[in-house]
PDB file of N, CA and C in Angstrom:
ATOM      1  N   UNK A   1     -38.634  44.187 -42.756  1.00  0.00           N
ATOM      2  CA  UNK A   1     -37.363  44.841 -42.932  1.00  0.00           C
ATOM      3  C   UNK A   1     -36.373  44.259 -41.929  1.00  0.00           C
ATOM      4  N   UNK A   2     -35.157  43.991 -42.402  1.00  0.00           N
ATOM      5  CA  UNK A   2     -34.114  43.426 -41.558  1.00  0.00           C
ATOM      6  C   UNK A   2     -33.486  44.541 -40.711  1.00  0.00           C
ATOM      7  N   UNK A   3     -33.388  44.297 -39.422  1.00  0.00           N
ATOM      8  CA  UNK A   3     -32.808  45.273 -38.518  1.00  0.00           C
ATOM      9  C   UNK A   3     -31.435  44.786 -38.086  1.00  0.00           C
ATOM     10  N   UNK A   4     -30.452  45.677 -38.124  1.00  0.00           N
ATOM     11  CA  UNK A   4     -29.109  45.297 -37.703  1.00  0.00           C
ATOM     12  C   UNK A   4     -28.745  46.032 -36.429  1.00  0.00           C
ATOM     13  N   UNK A   5     -27.879  45.416 -35.667  1.00  0.00           N
ATOM     14  CA  UNK A   5     -27.368  46.044 -34.454  1.00  0.00           C
ATOM     15  C   UNK A   5     -26.244  46.984 -34.840  1.00  0.00           C
ATOM     16  N   UNK A   6     -26.213  48.173 -34.270  1.00  0.00           N
ATOM     17  CA  UNK A   6     -25.127  49.109 -34.526  1.00  0.00           C
ATOM     18  C   UNK A   6     -24.395  49.360 -33.225  1.00  0.00           C
ATOM     19  N   UNK A   7     -23.115  49.025 -33.225  1.00  0.00           N
ATOM     20  CA  UNK A   7     -22.260  49.244 -32.066  1.00  0.00           C
ATOM     21  C   UNK A   7     -21.341  50.414 -32.365  1.00  0.00           C
ATOM     22  N   UNK A   8     -21.036  51.211 -31.379  1.00  0.00           N
ATOM     23  CA  UNK A   8     -20.048  52.269 -31.548  1.00  0.00           C
ATOM     24  C   UNK A   8     -18.821  51.908 -30.729  1.00  0.00           C
ATOM     25  N   UNK A   9     -17.676  51.937 -31.391  1.00  0.00           N
ATOM     26  CA  UNK A   9     -16.410  51.668 -30.730  1.00  0.00           C
ATOM     27  C   UNK A   9     -15.655  52.990 -30.685  1.00  0.00           C
ATOM     28  N   UNK A  10     -15.314  53.427 -29.497  1.00  0.00           N
ATOM     29  CA  UNK A  10     -14.608  54.690 -29.357  1.00  0.00           C
ATOM     30  C   UNK A  10     -13.119  54.420 -29.255  1.00  0.00           C
ATOM     31  N   UNK A  11     -12.345  55.067 -30.132  1.00  0.00           N
ATOM     32  CA  UNK A  11     -10.893  54.956 -30.063  1.00  0.00           C
ATOM     33  C   UNK A  11     -10.403  55.880 -28.959  1.00  0.00           C
ATOM     34  N   UNK A  12      -9.437  55.407 -28.189  1.00  0.00           N
ATOM     35  CA  UNK A  12      -8.999  56.148 -27.010  1.00  0.00           C
ATOM     36  C   UNK A  12      -8.288  57.447 -27.347  1.00  0.00           C
ATOM     37  N   UNK A  13      -7.529  57.461 -28.412  1.00  0.00           N
ATOM     38  CA  UNK A  13      -6.922  58.724 -28.832  1.00  0.00           C
ATOM     39  C   UNK A  13      -6.754  58.707 -30.338  1.00  0.00           C
ATOM     40  N   UNK A  14      -6.636  59.877 -30.908  1.00  0.00           N
ATOM     41  CA  UNK A  14      -6.621  59.986 -32.356  1.00  0.00           C
ATOM     42  C   UNK A  14      -5.422  59.301 -32.996  1.00  0.00           C
ATOM     43  N   UNK A  15      -4.315  59.207 -32.282  1.00  0.00           N
ATOM     44  CA  UNK A  15      -3.124  58.610 -32.856  1.00  0.00           C
ATOM     45  C   UNK A  15      -3.061  57.104 -32.726  1.00  0.00           C
ATOM     46  N   UNK A  16      -4.054  56.508 -32.079  1.00  0.00           N
ATOM     47  CA  UNK A  16      -4.039  55.063 -31.842  1.00  0.00           C
ATOM     48  C   UNK A  16      -4.181  54.303 -33.154  1.00  0.00           C
ATOM     49  N   UNK A  17      -3.246  53.404 -33.402  1.00  0.00           N
ATOM     50  CA  UNK A  17      -3.324  52.559 -34.588  1.00  0.00           C
ATOM     51  C   UNK A  17      -4.132  51.310 -34.229  1.00  0.00           C
ATOM     52  N   UNK A  18      -5.096  50.995 -35.061  1.00  0.00           N
ATOM     53  CA  UNK A  18      -5.911  49.802 -34.829  1.00  0.00           C
ATOM     54  C   UNK A  18      -6.234  49.183 -36.179  1.00  0.00           C
ATOM     55  N   UNK A  19      -6.151  47.857 -36.251  1.00  0.00           N
ATOM     56  CA  UNK A  19      -6.462  47.211 -37.524  1.00  0.00           C
ATOM     57  C   UNK A  19      -7.832  46.527 -37.436  1.00  0.00           C
ATOM     58  N   UNK A  20      -8.288  46.024 -38.560  1.00  0.00           N
ATOM     59  CA  UNK A  20      -9.623  45.456 -38.660  1.00  0.00           C
ATOM     60  C   UNK A  20      -9.827  44.281 -37.701  1.00  0.00           C
ATOM     61  N   UNK A  21      -8.856  43.410 -37.596  1.00  0.00           N
ATOM     62  CA  UNK A  21      -8.981  42.272 -36.684  1.00  0.00           C
ATOM     63  C   UNK A  21      -9.155  42.753 -35.241  1.00  0.00           C
ATOM     64  N   UNK A  22      -8.394  43.778 -34.849  1.00  0.00           N
ATOM     65  CA  UNK A  22      -8.499  44.323 -33.498  1.00  0.00           C
ATOM     66  C   UNK A  22      -9.869  44.954 -33.256  1.00  0.00           C
ATOM     67  N   UNK A  23     -10.424  45.603 -34.265  1.00  0.00           N
ATOM     68  CA  UNK A  23     -11.766  46.194 -34.135  1.00  0.00           C
ATOM     69  C   UNK A  23     -12.779  45.097 -33.837  1.00  0.00           C
ATOM     70  N   UNK A  24     -12.714  44.005 -34.585  1.00  0.00           N
ATOM     71  CA  UNK A  24     -13.654  42.903 -34.375  1.00  0.00           C
ATOM     72  C   UNK A  24     -13.522  42.323 -32.970  1.00  0.00           C
ATOM     73  N   UNK A  25     -12.291  42.215 -32.472  1.00  0.00           N
ATOM     74  CA  UNK A  25     -12.072  41.714 -31.113  1.00  0.00           C
ATOM     75  C   UNK A  25     -12.581  42.697 -30.074  1.00  0.00           C
ATOM     76  N   UNK A  26     -12.267  43.968 -30.228  1.00  0.00           N
ATOM     77  CA  UNK A  26     -12.670  44.978 -29.249  1.00  0.00           C
ATOM     78  C   UNK A  26     -14.194  45.097 -29.176  1.00  0.00           C
ATOM     79  N   UNK A  27     -14.870  44.885 -30.308  1.00  0.00           N
ATOM     80  CA  UNK A  27     -16.329  44.975 -30.348  1.00  0.00           C
ATOM     81  C   UNK A  27     -16.988  43.720 -29.776  1.00  0.00           C
ATOM     82  N   UNK A  28     -16.198  42.679 -29.522  1.00  0.00           N
ATOM     83  CA  UNK A  28     -16.753  41.446 -28.992  1.00  0.00           C
ATOM     84  C   UNK A  28     -17.413  40.573 -30.049  1.00  0.00           C
ATOM     85  N   UNK A  29     -17.102  40.831 -31.302  1.00  0.00           N
ATOM     86  CA  UNK A  29     -17.693  40.058 -32.400  1.00  0.00           C
ATOM     87  C   UNK A  29     -16.975  38.737 -32.608  1.00  0.00           C
ATOM     88  N   UNK A  30     -15.718  38.656 -32.181  1.00  0.00           N
ATOM     89  CA  UNK A  30     -14.934  37.428 -32.256  1.00  0.00           C
ATOM     90  C   UNK A  30     -14.193  37.266 -30.929  1.00  0.00           C
ATOM     91  N   UNK A  31     -13.821  36.052 -30.635  1.00  0.00           N
ATOM     92  CA  UNK A  31     -13.135  35.770 -29.374  1.00  0.00           C
ATOM     93  C   UNK A  31     -11.608  35.820 -29.504  1.00  0.00           C
ATOM     94  N   UNK A  32     -11.106  35.636 -30.734  1.00  0.00           N
ATOM     95  CA  UNK A  32      -9.654  35.598 -30.924  1.00  0.00           C
ATOM     96  C   UNK A  32      -9.287  36.237 -32.253  1.00  0.00           C
ATOM     97  N   UNK A  33      -7.999  36.546 -32.372  1.00  0.00           N
ATOM     98  CA  UNK A  33      -7.509  37.093 -33.636  1.00  0.00           C
ATOM     99  C   UNK A  33      -7.686  36.112 -34.784  1.00  0.00           C
ATOM    100  N   UNK A  34      -7.465  34.833 -34.496  1.00  0.00           N
ATOM    101  CA  UNK A  34      -7.630  33.811 -35.538  1.00  0.00           C
ATOM    102  C   UNK A  34      -9.055  33.734 -36.037  1.00  0.00           C
ATOM    103  N   UNK A  35     -10.008  33.857 -35.120  1.00  0.00           N
ATOM    104  CA  UNK A  35     -11.415  33.843 -35.502  1.00  0.00           C
ATOM    105  C   UNK A  35     -11.741  35.067 -36.361  1.00  0.00           C
ATOM    106  N   UNK A  36     -11.171  36.219 -35.987  1.00  0.00           N
ATOM    107  CA  UNK A  36     -11.389  37.442 -36.768  1.00  0.00           C
ATOM    108  C   UNK A  36     -10.807  37.322 -38.164  1.00  0.00           C
ATOM    109  N   UNK A  37      -9.606  36.775 -38.255  1.00  0.00           N
ATOM    110  CA  UNK A  37      -8.953  36.606 -39.554  1.00  0.00           C
ATOM    111  C   UNK A  37      -9.759  35.680 -40.453  1.00  0.00           C
ATOM    112  N   UNK A  38     -10.310  34.605 -39.885  1.00  0.00           N
ATOM    113  CA  UNK A  38     -11.125  33.669 -40.668  1.00  0.00           C
ATOM    114  C   UNK A  38     -12.399  34.339 -41.168  1.00  0.00           C
ATOM    115  N   UNK A  39     -13.014  35.155 -40.319  1.00  0.00           N
ATOM    116  CA  UNK A  39     -14.236  35.871 -40.710  1.00  0.00           C
ATOM    117  C   UNK A  39     -13.945  36.822 -41.867  1.00  0.00           C
ATOM    118  N   UNK A  40     -12.831  37.544 -41.771  1.00  0.00           N
ATOM    119  CA  UNK A  40     -12.446  38.482 -42.829  1.00  0.00           C
ATOM    120  C   UNK A  40     -12.137  37.726 -44.116  1.00  0.00           C
ATOM    121  N   UNK A  41     -11.351  36.646 -44.015  1.00  0.00           N
ATOM    122  CA  UNK A  41     -10.963  35.863 -45.194  1.00  0.00           C
ATOM    123  C   UNK A  41     -12.165  35.255 -45.899  1.00  0.00           C
ATOM    124  N   UNK A  42     -13.247  35.028 -45.172  1.00  0.00           N
ATOM    125  CA  UNK A  42     -14.438  34.432 -45.775  1.00  0.00           C
ATOM    126  C   UNK A  42     -15.248  35.431 -46.589  1.00  0.00           C
ATOM    127  N   UNK A  43     -14.863  36.713 -46.531  1.00  0.00           N
ATOM    128  CA  UNK A  43     -15.560  37.732 -47.312  1.00  0.00           C
ATOM    129  C   UNK A  43     -16.844  38.227 -46.678  1.00  0.00           C
ATOM    130  N   UNK A  44     -17.009  38.000 -45.378  1.00  0.00           N
ATOM    131  CA  UNK A  44     -18.237  38.383 -44.688  1.00  0.00           C
ATOM    132  C   UNK A  44     -18.153  39.741 -43.992  1.00  0.00           C
ATOM    133  N   UNK A  45     -17.012  40.436 -44.166  1.00  0.00           N
ATOM    134  CA  UNK A  45     -16.819  41.721 -43.493  1.00  0.00           C
ATOM    135  C   UNK A  45     -16.697  42.824 -44.548  1.00  0.00           C
ATOM    136  N   UNK A  46     -17.462  43.889 -44.340  1.00  0.00           N
ATOM    137  CA  UNK A  46     -17.386  45.064 -45.217  1.00  0.00           C
ATOM    138  C   UNK A  46     -16.891  46.250 -44.408  1.00  0.00           C
ATOM    139  N   UNK A  47     -16.053  47.057 -45.044  1.00  0.00           N
ATOM    140  CA  UNK A  47     -15.614  48.312 -44.436  1.00  0.00           C
ATOM    141  C   UNK A  47     -16.068  49.434 -45.359  1.00  0.00           C
ATOM    142  N   UNK A  48     -16.853  50.322 -44.808  1.00  0.00           N
ATOM    143  CA  UNK A  48     -17.402  51.439 -45.583  1.00  0.00           C
ATOM    144  C   UNK A  48     -18.098  50.958 -46.854  1.00  0.00           C
ATOM    145  N   UNK A  49     -18.820  49.839 -46.739  1.00  0.00           N
ATOM    146  CA  UNK A  49     -19.631  49.328 -47.832  1.00  0.00           C
ATOM    147  C   UNK A  49     -18.936  48.393 -48.798  1.00  0.00           C
ATOM    148  N   UNK A  50     -17.625  48.219 -48.663  1.00  0.00           N
ATOM    149  CA  UNK A  50     -16.866  47.368 -49.581  1.00  0.00           C
ATOM    150  C   UNK A  50     -16.339  46.136 -48.845  1.00  0.00           C
ATOM    151  N   UNK A  51     -16.402  44.972 -49.498  1.00  0.00           N
ATOM    152  CA  UNK A  51     -15.837  43.758 -48.905  1.00  0.00           C
ATOM    153  C   UNK A  51     -14.350  43.993 -48.662  1.00  0.00           C
ATOM    154  N   UNK A  52     -13.910  43.675 -47.462  1.00  0.00           N
ATOM    155  CA  UNK A  52     -12.503  43.878 -47.089  1.00  0.00           C
ATOM    156  C   UNK A  52     -11.872  42.543 -46.746  1.00  0.00           C
ATOM    157  N   UNK A  53     -10.782  42.211 -47.426  1.00  0.00           N
ATOM    158  CA  UNK A  53     -10.086  40.947 -47.203  1.00  0.00           C
ATOM    159  C   UNK A  53      -8.744  41.139 -46.500  1.00  0.00           C
ATOM    160  N   UNK A  54      -8.353  42.389 -46.267  1.00  0.00           N
ATOM    161  CA  UNK A  54      -7.076  42.672 -45.591  1.00  0.00           C
ATOM    162  C   UNK A  54      -7.296  42.665 -44.082  1.00  0.00           C
ATOM    163  N   UNK A  55      -6.690  41.700 -43.413  1.00  0.00           N
ATOM    164  CA  UNK A  55      -6.866  41.546 -41.967  1.00  0.00           C
ATOM    165  C   UNK A  55      -6.231  42.687 -41.193  1.00  0.00           C
ATOM    166  N   UNK A  56      -5.168  43.236 -41.722  1.00  0.00           N
ATOM    167  CA  UNK A  56      -4.432  44.293 -41.025  1.00  0.00           C
ATOM    168  C   UNK A  56      -4.774  45.681 -41.565  1.00  0.00           C
ATOM    169  N   UNK A  57      -5.894  45.814 -42.243  1.00  0.00           N
ATOM    170  CA  UNK A  57      -6.297  47.122 -42.759  1.00  0.00           C
ATOM    171  C   UNK A  57      -6.377  48.100 -41.598  1.00  0.00           C
ATOM    172  N   UNK A  58      -5.695  49.224 -41.735  1.00  0.00           N
ATOM    173  CA  UNK A  58      -5.699  50.233 -40.683  1.00  0.00           C
ATOM    174  C   UNK A  58      -7.031  50.976 -40.693  1.00  0.00           C
ATOM    175  N   UNK A  59      -7.608  51.104 -39.531  1.00  0.00           N
ATOM    176  CA  UNK A  59      -8.921  51.712 -39.382  1.00  0.00           C
ATOM    177  C   UNK A  59      -8.773  53.104 -38.779  1.00  0.00           C
ATOM    178  N   UNK A  60      -9.760  53.961 -39.039  1.00  0.00           N
ATOM    179  CA  UNK A  60      -9.762  55.292 -38.454  1.00  0.00           C
ATOM    180  C   UNK A  60     -11.168  55.722 -38.086  1.00  0.00           C
ATOM    181  N   UNK A  61     -11.240  56.810 -37.349  1.00  0.00           N
ATOM    182  CA  UNK A  61     -12.538  57.350 -36.930  1.00  0.00           C
ATOM    183  C   UNK A  61     -13.426  57.553 -38.153  1.00  0.00           C
ATOM    184  N   UNK A  62     -14.694  57.200 -37.984  1.00  0.00           N
ATOM    185  CA  UNK A  62     -15.653  57.357 -39.077  1.00  0.00           C
ATOM    186  C   UNK A  62     -15.828  56.109 -39.923  1.00  0.00           C
ATOM    187  N   UNK A  63     -14.898  55.158 -39.831  1.00  0.00           N
ATOM    188  CA  UNK A  63     -15.042  53.916 -40.588  1.00  0.00           C
ATOM    189  C   UNK A  63     -16.217  53.120 -40.024  1.00  0.00           C
ATOM    190  N   UNK A  64     -16.902  52.429 -40.922  1.00  0.00           N
ATOM    191  CA  UNK A  64     -18.036  51.585 -40.539  1.00  0.00           C
ATOM    192  C   UNK A  64     -17.743  50.165 -40.995  1.00  0.00           C
ATOM    193  N   UNK A  65     -17.780  49.241 -40.048  1.00  0.00           N
ATOM    194  CA  UNK A  65     -17.525  47.826 -40.318  1.00  0.00           C
ATOM    195  C   UNK A  65     -18.850  47.087 -40.176  1.00  0.00           C
ATOM    196  N   UNK A  66     -19.225  46.344 -41.203  1.00  0.00           N
ATOM    197  CA  UNK A  66     -20.466  45.578 -41.166  1.00  0.00           C
ATOM    198  C   UNK A  66     -20.149  44.105 -41.374  1.00  0.00           C
ATOM    199  N   UNK A  67     -20.702  43.281 -40.505  1.00  0.00           N
ATOM    200  CA  UNK A  67     -20.546  41.834 -40.620  1.00  0.00           C
ATOM    201  C   UNK A  67     -21.849  41.285 -41.185  1.00  0.00           C
ATOM    202  N   UNK A  68     -21.732  40.462 -42.228  1.00  0.00           N
ATOM    203  CA  UNK A  68     -22.927  39.884 -42.846  1.00  0.00           C
ATOM    204  C   UNK A  68     -23.742  39.135 -41.802  1.00  0.00           C
ATOM    205  N   UNK A  69     -25.044  39.453 -41.730  1.00  0.00           N
ATOM    206  CA  UNK A  69     -25.956  38.861 -40.760  1.00  0.00           C
ATOM    207  C   UNK A  69     -25.500  39.092 -39.326  1.00  0.00           C
ATOM    208  N   UNK A  70     -24.792  40.183 -39.097  1.00  0.00           N
ATOM    209  CA  UNK A  70     -24.314  40.504 -37.753  1.00  0.00           C
ATOM    210  C   UNK A  70     -24.357  42.004 -37.510  1.00  0.00           C
ATOM    211  N   UNK A  71     -23.633  42.433 -36.503  1.00  0.00           N
ATOM    212  CA  UNK A  71     -23.659  43.846 -36.138  1.00  0.00           C
ATOM    213  C   UNK A  71     -22.890  44.738 -37.097  1.00  0.00           C
ATOM    214  N   UNK A  72     -23.182  46.013 -36.997  1.00  0.00           N
ATOM    215  CA  UNK A  72     -22.436  47.050 -37.686  1.00  0.00           C
ATOM    216  C   UNK A  72     -21.686  47.838 -36.616  1.00  0.00           C
ATOM    217  N   UNK A  73     -20.414  48.086 -36.861  1.00  0.00           N
ATOM    218  CA  UNK A  73     -19.563  48.764 -35.891  1.00  0.00           C
ATOM    219  C   UNK A  73     -19.130  50.087 -36.484  1.00  0.00           C
ATOM    220  N   UNK A  74     -19.383  51.162 -35.779  1.00  0.00           N
ATOM    221  CA  UNK A  74     -18.961  52.491 -36.211  1.00  0.00           C
ATOM    222  C   UNK A  74     -17.842  52.965 -35.303  1.00  0.00           C
ATOM    223  N   UNK A  75     -16.708  53.330 -35.883  1.00  0.00           N
ATOM    224  CA  UNK A  75     -15.593  53.825 -35.090  1.00  0.00           C
ATOM    225  C   UNK A  75     -15.765  55.316 -34.869  1.00  0.00           C
ATOM    226  N   UNK A  76     -15.843  55.701 -33.593  1.00  0.00           N
ATOM    227  CA  UNK A  76     -16.070  57.110 -33.254  1.00  0.00           C
ATOM    228  C   UNK A  76     -14.903  57.668 -32.471  1.00  0.00           C
TER     229      UNK A  76
END
């Protein structure tokens, strides 16, 4: 059975706006915004189980981001 890493990213306050690229950077999954955008554009990122191609998709508490063959990030 394949085991995935699950990271939890805590948003500092409920009103904080954060997009998908920023989540990937904050989790340490990418080193730059450009790298995050390329990863998303390649179709390797899922949000709540669906492939997400929008780099600026607004994220909220409870969203789960999964990178193919990589970690899963849960926003708490």
